[in-house]
Amino acid sequence: MKTTLSRAQVRRRPPETELQDLDDVSPFGLQGLRRDGLKLLKSECINRLAMRLVMWGDRKQIRDEAFAAEIIRQHRDWVDEYEVVHLIEKSLWINGQSDLVMTLTRNPSQIPDSPPPEILKALTRAHTLHPDATVWFGVPLFGEEQTPDGLPIPLTAQQVRDEHDRRIRAAQAHALNYGAVYRSALRAVGLPFVLGHVAKRLWEGGKQSLARLKAYRERIRRDARRRQRARLMQELEYTRYGRCWTEVPEHSTLLGRSAEQGLNAAMFAGRHLVAPAAVSSAATAGFAMAKLIPMLFMPMTIVAADPFLFVELPSEPRKLRHIGHWYWHGPTIGRQKLHLHV
């Protein structure tokens, strides 16, 4: 049963501004407070971070946490982003007055994880009462630890931070221990690219030489046609007038002036000069070498499950009111037991 506090009682209350004067704003009770954001390096990106450390830094920089953080900042797709939600009241088996690490989805178009009808009814009510509010779909993170009843224990923010630092240290140790192997693999990867670049330059030079040779041949053929027409005019003039005054133009090319064999050689080169065989396709084989380096590291098992639904009113930023919390317990789909808190 709700109790109404007098003004004198409110003045004597401790200065907890985040929890004051919220009971009469909405029928949905205050359940959580959004805290800081967290980042966690993906387990499949530890090897990538190790390779970047080897490529871009020396041994001193590899040990520098700021250097690794800068590389991670440039590759945002290497990390998963979470938010810390301070849970005020207990929900199902999760204790209140604790910090949960969650994935928060803003105004989801669909609610995953098979929401029961009670959850959908409460969500419809929230949309009706607060059409301008923001709905958050939050899923806590759990590790391998369990309660005596077999229920998973949520991960704390400090555990996620420690796991993030642990994965970075694993990448640094991997880069320090296998740096020579990485560099050899990178050289092996780069060799086909170098060969391909050389072959490309040779091919481009060959094409340019062929184009110049074709233009040179056209000049020879043009000179030959002009000389042939001039000789025909000389014959006509000599036949008609007994003398000729048309001059036969000289060749404008050295090849045309030197010998007729130059034209045949140019035509033969234009017909039979072909492109060199491509070698850049061998570059893909080098990428597989870097993946053969073992990663002797076992990341923490992290599972996102048992979702919450919150509503955040425009007048209450970062304050989450409770719509529902549910989870399905049991190994067999269709025979699972529903645990619900609305």
Protein backbone atom coordinates (compact mmCIF):
# COMPACT_ATOMS: atom_id res chain seq x y z
CA MET A 1 0.00 0.00 0.00
CA LYS A 2 1.43 3.39 -1.01
CA THR A 3 2.10 5.98 1.68
CA THR A 4 1.91 9.72 1.16
CA LEU A 5 4.75 11.70 2.69
CA SER A 6 4.17 15.17 4.07
CA ARG A 7 6.44 18.03 3.05
CA ALA A 8 8.17 17.97 6.41
CA GLN A 9 8.93 14.30 5.98
CA VAL A 10 10.28 14.92 2.48
CA ARG A 11 12.65 17.59 3.81
CA ARG A 12 13.99 15.24 6.44
CA ARG A 13 14.53 12.48 3.84
CA PRO A 14 18.17 11.86 2.73
CA PRO A 15 19.15 13.62 -0.53
CA GLU A 16 18.52 10.67 -2.90
CA THR A 17 17.45 12.74 -5.89
CA GLU A 18 17.27 9.76 -8.20
CA LEU A 19 14.51 8.16 -6.14
CA GLN A 20 12.44 11.19 -5.07
CA ASP A 21 8.89 11.96 -6.21
CA LEU A 22 8.51 9.06 -8.64
CA ASP A 23 5.62 7.10 -7.17
CA ASP A 24 2.80 9.22 -8.59
CA VAL A 25 4.17 9.69 -12.12
CA SER A 26 3.32 6.26 -13.51
CA PRO A 27 1.73 3.00 -12.34
CA PHE A 28 4.93 1.24 -13.41
CA GLY A 29 7.29 1.17 -10.46
CA LEU A 30 10.87 2.32 -10.59
CA GLN A 31 13.08 -0.72 -11.12
CA GLY A 32 16.45 0.38 -12.44
CA LEU A 33 18.87 3.23 -13.04
CA ARG A 34 21.04 3.37 -16.13
CA ARG A 35 24.69 3.76 -15.25
CA ASP A 36 27.89 3.80 -17.29
CA GLY A 37 28.55 1.96 -20.50
CA LEU A 38 30.94 -0.98 -20.78
CA LYS A 39 32.95 -2.48 -23.61
CA LEU A 40 34.13 -6.07 -23.93
CA LEU A 41 36.65 -7.23 -26.52
CA LYS A 42 35.17 -10.06 -28.56
CA SER A 43 36.88 -13.39 -28.05
CA GLU A 44 37.31 -13.91 -31.80
CA CYS A 45 39.12 -10.55 -32.08
CA ILE A 46 41.92 -11.32 -29.60
CA ASN A 47 44.06 -12.73 -32.42
CA ARG A 48 43.34 -9.69 -34.58
CA LEU A 49 44.43 -7.35 -31.82
CA ALA A 50 47.64 -9.35 -31.36
CA MET A 51 48.43 -9.04 -35.08
CA ARG A 52 47.80 -5.28 -35.05
CA LEU A 53 50.08 -4.90 -32.03
CA VAL A 54 52.86 -6.71 -33.90
CA MET A 55 52.31 -4.74 -37.10
CA TRP A 56 52.12 -1.26 -35.58
CA GLY A 57 54.32 -1.33 -32.48
CA ASP A 58 57.54 -2.49 -30.92
CA ARG A 59 57.84 -4.52 -27.73
CA LYS A 60 57.52 -1.44 -25.52
CA GLN A 61 54.37 -0.27 -27.29
CA ILE A 62 52.89 -3.76 -27.20
CA ARG A 63 53.07 -3.68 -23.39
CA ASP A 64 51.45 -0.22 -23.29
CA GLU A 65 47.74 -0.40 -22.39
CA ALA A 66 47.07 2.99 -24.00
CA PHE A 67 48.51 1.76 -27.31
CA ALA A 68 46.21 -1.29 -27.28
CA ALA A 69 43.23 0.89 -26.31
CA GLU A 70 43.92 3.19 -29.28
CA ILE A 71 43.91 0.22 -31.66
CA ILE A 72 40.63 -1.01 -30.20
CA ARG A 73 39.16 2.49 -30.53
CA GLN A 74 39.91 2.44 -34.25
CA HIS A 75 38.11 -0.91 -34.65
CA ARG A 76 34.71 -0.48 -33.01
CA ASP A 77 33.45 -3.73 -34.49
CA TRP A 78 35.90 -5.64 -32.30
CA VAL A 79 34.01 -4.90 -29.07
CA ASP A 80 30.54 -5.58 -27.68
CA GLU A 81 28.92 -2.64 -25.92
CA TYR A 82 26.84 -3.02 -22.75
CA GLU A 83 25.27 -0.79 -20.11
CA VAL A 84 25.26 -1.08 -16.35
CA VAL A 85 21.76 -1.04 -14.83
CA HIS A 86 21.42 -0.65 -11.08
CA LEU A 87 18.53 -2.93 -10.08
CA ILE A 88 16.60 -1.34 -7.21
CA GLU A 89 14.17 -4.12 -6.30
CA LYS A 90 14.46 -7.88 -6.48
CA SER A 91 13.06 -9.48 -9.63
CA LEU A 92 12.54 -13.23 -9.60
CA TRP A 93 15.83 -14.64 -8.27
CA ILE A 94 17.96 -11.60 -9.08
CA ASN A 95 18.55 -9.57 -5.93
CA GLY A 96 17.87 -5.87 -5.74
CA GLN A 97 20.40 -3.15 -4.92
CA SER A 98 22.83 -4.73 -7.38
CA ASP A 99 24.41 -3.71 -10.67
CA LEU A 100 23.58 -5.76 -13.77
CA VAL A 101 25.42 -5.66 -17.07
CA MET A 102 22.86 -5.66 -19.88
CA THR A 103 22.46 -5.35 -23.59
CA LEU A 104 19.87 -2.59 -24.02
CA THR A 105 17.84 -2.31 -27.22
CA ARG A 106 15.95 0.94 -27.69
CA ASN A 107 12.30 0.68 -28.83
CA PRO A 108 12.55 -2.83 -30.32
CA SER A 109 10.22 -3.47 -33.25
CA GLN A 110 9.79 -7.07 -32.07
CA ILE A 111 10.19 -8.62 -28.63
CA PRO A 112 12.37 -11.75 -28.86
CA ASP A 113 12.57 -14.70 -26.46
CA SER A 114 8.88 -15.68 -26.76
CA PRO A 115 7.24 -13.04 -24.52
CA PRO A 116 4.12 -14.41 -22.74
CA PRO A 117 0.71 -12.70 -23.12
CA GLU A 118 1.09 -10.99 -19.73
CA ILE A 119 4.23 -9.22 -20.95
CA LEU A 120 2.59 -8.12 -24.19
CA LYS A 121 -0.43 -6.84 -22.28
CA ALA A 122 1.79 -4.82 -19.94
CA LEU A 123 3.74 -3.46 -22.91
CA THR A 124 0.52 -2.35 -24.61
CA ARG A 125 -0.53 -0.61 -21.42
CA ALA A 126 2.80 1.19 -21.23
CA HIS A 127 2.44 2.42 -24.83
CA THR A 128 -1.09 3.61 -24.07
CA LEU A 129 -0.23 5.48 -20.88
CA HIS A 130 3.12 6.82 -22.08
CA PRO A 131 3.12 7.16 -25.89
CA ASP A 132 6.22 9.40 -25.85
CA ALA A 133 8.25 7.16 -23.55
CA THR A 134 11.19 4.96 -24.56
CA VAL A 135 10.90 1.20 -24.20
CA TRP A 136 14.10 -0.69 -23.44
CA PHE A 137 14.61 -4.41 -24.00
CA GLY A 138 17.38 -5.42 -21.62
CA VAL A 139 19.09 -8.80 -21.39
CA PRO A 140 21.46 -9.43 -18.45
CA LEU A 141 24.80 -11.19 -18.84
CA PHE A 142 25.46 -14.41 -16.94
CA GLY A 143 28.59 -16.47 -16.41
CA GLU A 144 29.21 -20.06 -15.43
CA GLU A 145 28.50 -19.59 -11.72
CA GLN A 146 25.13 -20.78 -10.40
CA THR A 147 23.09 -20.59 -7.24
CA PRO A 148 22.42 -23.73 -5.13
CA ASP A 149 19.11 -23.99 -6.99
CA GLY A 150 20.92 -24.17 -10.34
CA LEU A 151 20.05 -20.63 -11.44
CA PRO A 152 22.76 -18.56 -13.13
CA ILE A 153 24.38 -15.67 -11.27
CA PRO A 154 24.51 -12.37 -13.20
CA LEU A 155 27.89 -10.91 -14.02
CA THR A 156 28.90 -7.74 -12.27
CA ALA A 157 30.34 -4.69 -13.98
CA GLN A 158 33.71 -5.33 -12.39
CA GLN A 159 33.78 -8.89 -13.74
CA VAL A 160 33.15 -7.61 -17.27
CA ARG A 161 35.86 -4.96 -16.90
CA ASP A 162 38.30 -7.58 -15.59
CA GLU A 163 37.47 -9.90 -18.49
CA HIS A 164 38.02 -7.06 -20.98
CA ASP A 165 41.45 -6.32 -19.45
CA ARG A 166 42.23 -10.04 -19.35
CA ARG A 167 41.56 -10.43 -23.07
CA ILE A 168 43.74 -7.42 -23.88
CA ARG A 169 46.57 -8.84 -21.77
CA ALA A 170 46.17 -12.17 -23.59
CA ALA A 171 46.56 -10.38 -26.94
CA GLN A 172 49.64 -8.54 -25.64
CA ALA A 173 51.23 -11.75 -24.37
CA HIS A 174 50.40 -13.47 -27.64
CA ALA A 175 52.02 -10.64 -29.61
CA LEU A 176 55.15 -10.75 -27.44
CA ASN A 177 55.50 -14.54 -27.57
CA TYR A 178 54.65 -15.05 -31.24
CA GLY A 179 55.80 -11.73 -32.69
CA ALA A 180 58.49 -13.35 -34.86
CA VAL A 181 55.98 -15.87 -36.17
CA TYR A 182 53.51 -13.11 -36.98
CA ARG A 183 56.15 -11.11 -38.83
CA SER A 184 57.17 -14.17 -40.85
CA ALA A 185 53.55 -14.81 -41.69
CA LEU A 186 53.08 -11.18 -42.70
CA ARG A 187 56.14 -11.37 -44.96
CA ALA A 188 54.78 -14.55 -46.52
CA VAL A 189 51.46 -12.83 -47.02
CA GLY A 190 53.11 -9.79 -48.55
CA LEU A 191 55.36 -11.69 -50.98
CA PRO A 192 52.58 -12.64 -53.42
CA PHE A 193 51.35 -9.03 -53.32
CA VAL A 194 54.82 -7.79 -54.21
CA LEU A 195 55.06 -10.28 -57.06
CA GLY A 196 51.59 -9.35 -58.18
CA HIS A 197 52.48 -5.65 -58.08
CA VAL A 198 55.63 -6.26 -60.14
CA ALA A 199 53.69 -8.34 -62.65
CA LYS A 200 51.05 -5.63 -62.85
CA ARG A 201 53.67 -2.98 -63.53
CA LEU A 202 55.25 -5.16 -66.19
CA TRP A 203 51.89 -5.80 -67.76
CA GLU A 204 50.99 -2.08 -67.75
CA GLY A 205 54.37 -1.26 -69.26
CA GLY A 206 53.86 -3.95 -71.88
CA LYS A 207 50.44 -2.57 -72.78
CA GLN A 208 51.86 0.94 -73.11
CA SER A 209 54.69 -0.34 -75.26
CA LEU A 210 52.21 -2.22 -77.39
CA ALA A 211 50.08 0.91 -77.78
CA ARG A 212 53.12 2.93 -78.84
CA LEU A 213 54.12 0.16 -81.23
CA LYS A 214 50.65 0.15 -82.79
CA ALA A 215 50.74 3.94 -83.22
CA TYR A 216 54.20 3.64 -84.74
CA ARG A 217 52.90 0.99 -87.13
CA GLU A 218 50.00 3.25 -88.16
CA ARG A 219 52.46 6.00 -89.03
CA ILE A 220 54.42 3.55 -91.16
CA ARG A 221 51.24 2.41 -92.95
CA ARG A 222 50.14 6.02 -93.47
CA ASP A 223 53.53 6.88 -94.94
CA ALA A 224 53.34 3.81 -97.18
CA ARG A 225 49.89 4.81 -98.51
CA ARG A 226 51.05 8.34 -99.20
CA ARG A 227 54.14 7.08 -101.03
CA GLN A 228 52.04 4.60 -103.01
CA ARG A 229 49.59 7.34 -104.06
CA ALA A 230 52.48 9.56 -105.03
CA ARG A 231 54.00 6.85 -107.20
CA LEU A 232 50.63 6.28 -108.96
CA MET A 233 50.35 10.00 -109.66
CA GLN A 234 53.87 10.00 -111.09
CA GLU A 235 52.96 7.14 -113.44
CA LEU A 236 49.78 8.92 -114.62
CA GLU A 237 51.64 12.17 -115.15
CA TYR A 238 54.43 10.45 -117.04
CA THR A 239 51.94 8.53 -119.24
CA ARG A 240 49.89 11.65 -120.04
CA TYR A 241 52.49 14.38 -120.13
CA GLY A 242 55.75 12.53 -120.55
CA ARG A 243 57.07 13.92 -117.33
CA CYS A 244 56.04 13.98 -113.66
CA TRP A 245 56.29 16.64 -111.03
CA THR A 246 54.68 14.92 -107.99
CA GLU A 247 57.22 14.25 -105.28
CA VAL A 248 57.17 11.02 -103.27
CA PRO A 249 57.13 11.90 -99.53
CA GLU A 250 59.79 10.46 -97.33
CA HIS A 251 59.10 8.12 -94.43
CA SER A 252 58.48 9.95 -91.13
CA THR A 253 59.70 6.99 -89.09
CA LEU A 254 63.14 5.55 -88.62
CA LEU A 255 61.78 2.06 -89.09
CA GLY A 256 60.20 2.94 -92.39
CA ARG A 257 63.36 4.57 -93.62
CA SER A 258 65.64 1.76 -92.52
CA ALA A 259 64.00 -1.33 -93.97
CA GLU A 260 60.73 -2.95 -94.93
CA GLN A 261 61.37 -5.69 -92.41
CA GLY A 262 60.59 -3.28 -89.61
CA LEU A 263 56.92 -3.16 -90.63
CA ASN A 264 56.68 -6.93 -90.70
CA ALA A 265 58.27 -7.15 -87.28
CA ALA A 266 55.84 -4.59 -85.85
CA MET A 267 52.82 -6.43 -87.30
CA PHE A 268 54.14 -9.73 -85.97
CA ALA A 269 54.57 -8.20 -82.48
CA GLY A 270 51.07 -6.71 -82.58
CA ARG A 271 49.54 -10.10 -83.39
CA HIS A 272 51.52 -12.33 -81.05
CA LEU A 273 52.36 -10.22 -77.99
CA VAL A 274 50.18 -11.54 -75.12
CA ALA A 275 49.73 -10.63 -71.42
CA PRO A 276 51.89 -12.31 -68.78
CA ALA A 277 50.35 -14.89 -66.51
CA ALA A 278 48.72 -13.40 -63.39
CA VAL A 279 50.42 -14.20 -60.14
CA SER A 280 48.43 -12.00 -57.76
CA SER A 281 45.93 -14.82 -57.18
CA ALA A 282 48.55 -16.52 -55.05
CA ALA A 283 48.17 -13.79 -52.42
CA THR A 284 45.18 -15.47 -50.81
CA ALA A 285 47.34 -18.39 -49.74
CA GLY A 286 49.35 -16.18 -47.41
CA PHE A 287 46.35 -15.18 -45.27
CA ALA A 288 45.91 -18.74 -44.04
CA MET A 289 49.39 -18.76 -42.49
CA ALA A 290 48.53 -16.15 -39.86
CA LYS A 291 45.51 -18.18 -38.72
CA LEU A 292 47.67 -21.21 -37.93
CA ILE A 293 49.26 -19.52 -34.91
CA PRO A 294 47.69 -21.06 -31.76
CA MET A 295 45.82 -18.90 -29.26
CA LEU A 296 46.39 -20.52 -25.83
CA PHE A 297 43.66 -18.54 -24.08
CA MET A 298 40.24 -19.54 -22.78
CA PRO A 299 37.83 -16.57 -22.58
CA MET A 300 35.11 -16.42 -19.97
CA THR A 301 31.78 -17.96 -20.97
CA ILE A 302 29.24 -15.14 -21.24
CA VAL A 303 25.56 -15.75 -21.99
CA ALA A 304 22.82 -13.15 -22.45
CA ALA A 305 19.42 -14.46 -21.28
CA ASP A 306 16.27 -13.80 -19.20
CA PRO A 307 15.14 -10.43 -20.57
CA PHE A 308 13.62 -7.37 -18.93
CA LEU A 309 11.31 -4.75 -20.38
CA PHE A 310 11.63 -1.21 -19.08
CA VAL A 311 9.98 2.10 -19.89
CA GLU A 312 11.86 5.40 -19.61
CA LEU A 313 9.72 8.52 -19.37
CA PRO A 314 10.84 11.73 -21.08
CA SER A 315 10.76 13.56 -17.74
CA GLU A 316 12.90 10.88 -16.07
CA PRO A 317 16.05 10.34 -18.12
CA ARG A 318 18.08 7.25 -17.24
CA LYS A 319 15.38 6.00 -14.83
CA LEU A 320 13.88 2.67 -15.84
CA ARG A 321 10.39 1.64 -14.79
CA HIS A 322 9.45 -2.00 -14.68
CA ILE A 323 7.21 -3.51 -17.37
CA GLY A 324 8.13 -7.17 -17.03
CA HIS A 325 10.81 -9.81 -16.50
CA TRP A 326 10.53 -13.41 -17.60
CA TYR A 327 12.49 -16.50 -18.42
CA TRP A 328 11.75 -20.03 -19.59
CA HIS A 329 13.20 -22.81 -17.47
CA GLY A 330 13.71 -26.30 -18.87
CA PRO A 331 15.76 -28.08 -21.52
CA THR A 332 12.92 -28.97 -23.92
CA ILE A 333 11.18 -26.36 -26.05
CA GLY A 334 7.43 -26.59 -25.55
CA ARG A 335 7.80 -28.10 -22.07
CA GLN A 336 9.58 -25.24 -20.41
CA LYS A 337 8.27 -23.59 -17.27
CA LEU A 338 7.59 -19.88 -17.38
CA HIS A 339 8.88 -17.66 -14.58
CA LEU A 340 7.25 -14.23 -14.74
CA HIS A 341 7.43 -10.94 -12.89
CA VAL A 342 5.06 -8.20 -14.11
